[in-house]
Amino acid sequence: MGEFSIFHWLVVLAIVLIFFGGRRIPEVMKGLGEGIRSFKEGMSGTSQNPPPPAQTPSEKPSEEKK
């Protein structure tokens, strides 16, 4: 193998355009960025959006039989 030249990058870009099309590339890149950000947050143990508080099941008043 060798190093990637500009010709190699152009071939890769052409293949990506053929598979995804020009309209879907921003969506794919956005998803990739969100995935990387989520991975980094998971590795550092911090989160910008805290998980919602756990909900306890509501207890219904029991009916007493007489």
Protein backbone atom coordinates (compact mmCIF):
# COMPACT_ATOMS: atom_id res chain seq x y z
CA MET A 1 0.00 0.00 0.00
CA GLY A 2 1.19 3.53 -0.13
CA GLU A 3 0.03 6.88 1.03
CA PHE A 4 -3.22 8.32 -0.21
CA SER A 5 -2.73 10.82 -3.00
CA ILE A 6 -5.26 13.39 -4.16
CA PHE A 7 -6.35 10.96 -6.88
CA HIS A 8 -7.23 8.33 -4.25
CA TRP A 9 -9.30 10.84 -2.28
CA LEU A 10 -11.16 11.86 -5.46
CA VAL A 11 -12.01 8.24 -6.19
CA VAL A 12 -13.27 7.75 -2.62
CA LEU A 13 -15.36 10.94 -2.89
CA ALA A 14 -16.86 9.77 -6.20
CA ILE A 15 -17.81 6.41 -4.69
CA VAL A 16 -19.43 8.08 -1.68
CA LEU A 17 -21.42 10.38 -3.97
CA ILE A 18 -22.59 7.40 -6.02
CA PHE A 19 -23.73 5.42 -2.97
CA PHE A 20 -25.29 8.21 -0.90
CA GLY A 21 -26.05 11.01 -3.34
CA GLY A 22 -25.46 14.68 -2.70
CA ARG A 23 -28.55 15.19 -0.54
CA ARG A 24 -27.90 12.45 1.98
CA ILE A 25 -24.24 13.26 2.70
CA PRO A 26 -25.06 16.06 5.21
CA GLU A 27 -27.43 13.70 7.03
CA VAL A 28 -24.79 10.97 7.16
CA MET A 29 -22.14 13.40 8.43
CA LYS A 30 -24.53 14.77 11.07
CA GLY A 31 -25.25 11.24 12.29
CA LEU A 32 -21.54 10.46 12.36
CA GLY A 33 -20.82 13.61 14.37
CA GLU A 34 -23.58 12.82 16.88
CA GLY A 35 -22.27 9.28 17.25
CA ILE A 36 -18.72 10.49 17.92
CA ARG A 37 -19.99 13.08 20.41
CA SER A 38 -22.06 10.44 22.21
CA PHE A 39 -19.08 8.09 22.31
CA LYS A 40 -16.83 10.79 23.80
CA GLU A 41 -19.46 11.65 26.43
CA GLY A 42 -19.80 7.98 27.32
CA MET A 43 -16.05 7.58 27.69
CA SER A 44 -15.69 10.65 29.91
CA GLY A 45 -18.76 9.79 32.00
CA THR A 46 -20.38 13.20 31.54
CA SER A 47 -23.58 14.04 29.77
CA GLN A 48 -25.10 17.35 28.75
CA ASN A 49 -28.62 15.99 29.00
CA PRO A 50 -29.18 14.26 32.35
CA PRO A 51 -31.45 11.23 32.25
CA PRO A 52 -35.06 11.82 33.29
CA PRO A 53 -35.88 11.01 36.91
CA ALA A 54 -37.11 7.51 37.56
CA GLN A 55 -40.85 7.33 38.01
CA THR A 56 -42.25 5.25 40.82
CA PRO A 57 -45.46 3.39 40.11
CA SER A 58 -48.42 5.20 41.58
CA GLU A 59 -50.22 3.28 44.25
CA LYS A 60 -53.98 3.03 43.98
CA PRO A 61 -55.91 3.08 47.24
CA SER A 62 -56.94 -0.42 48.05
CA GLU A 63 -60.58 -1.09 48.56
CA GLU A 64 -61.41 -2.75 51.82
CA LYS A 65 -63.91 -5.56 51.71
CA LYS A 66 -66.42 -5.69 54.51
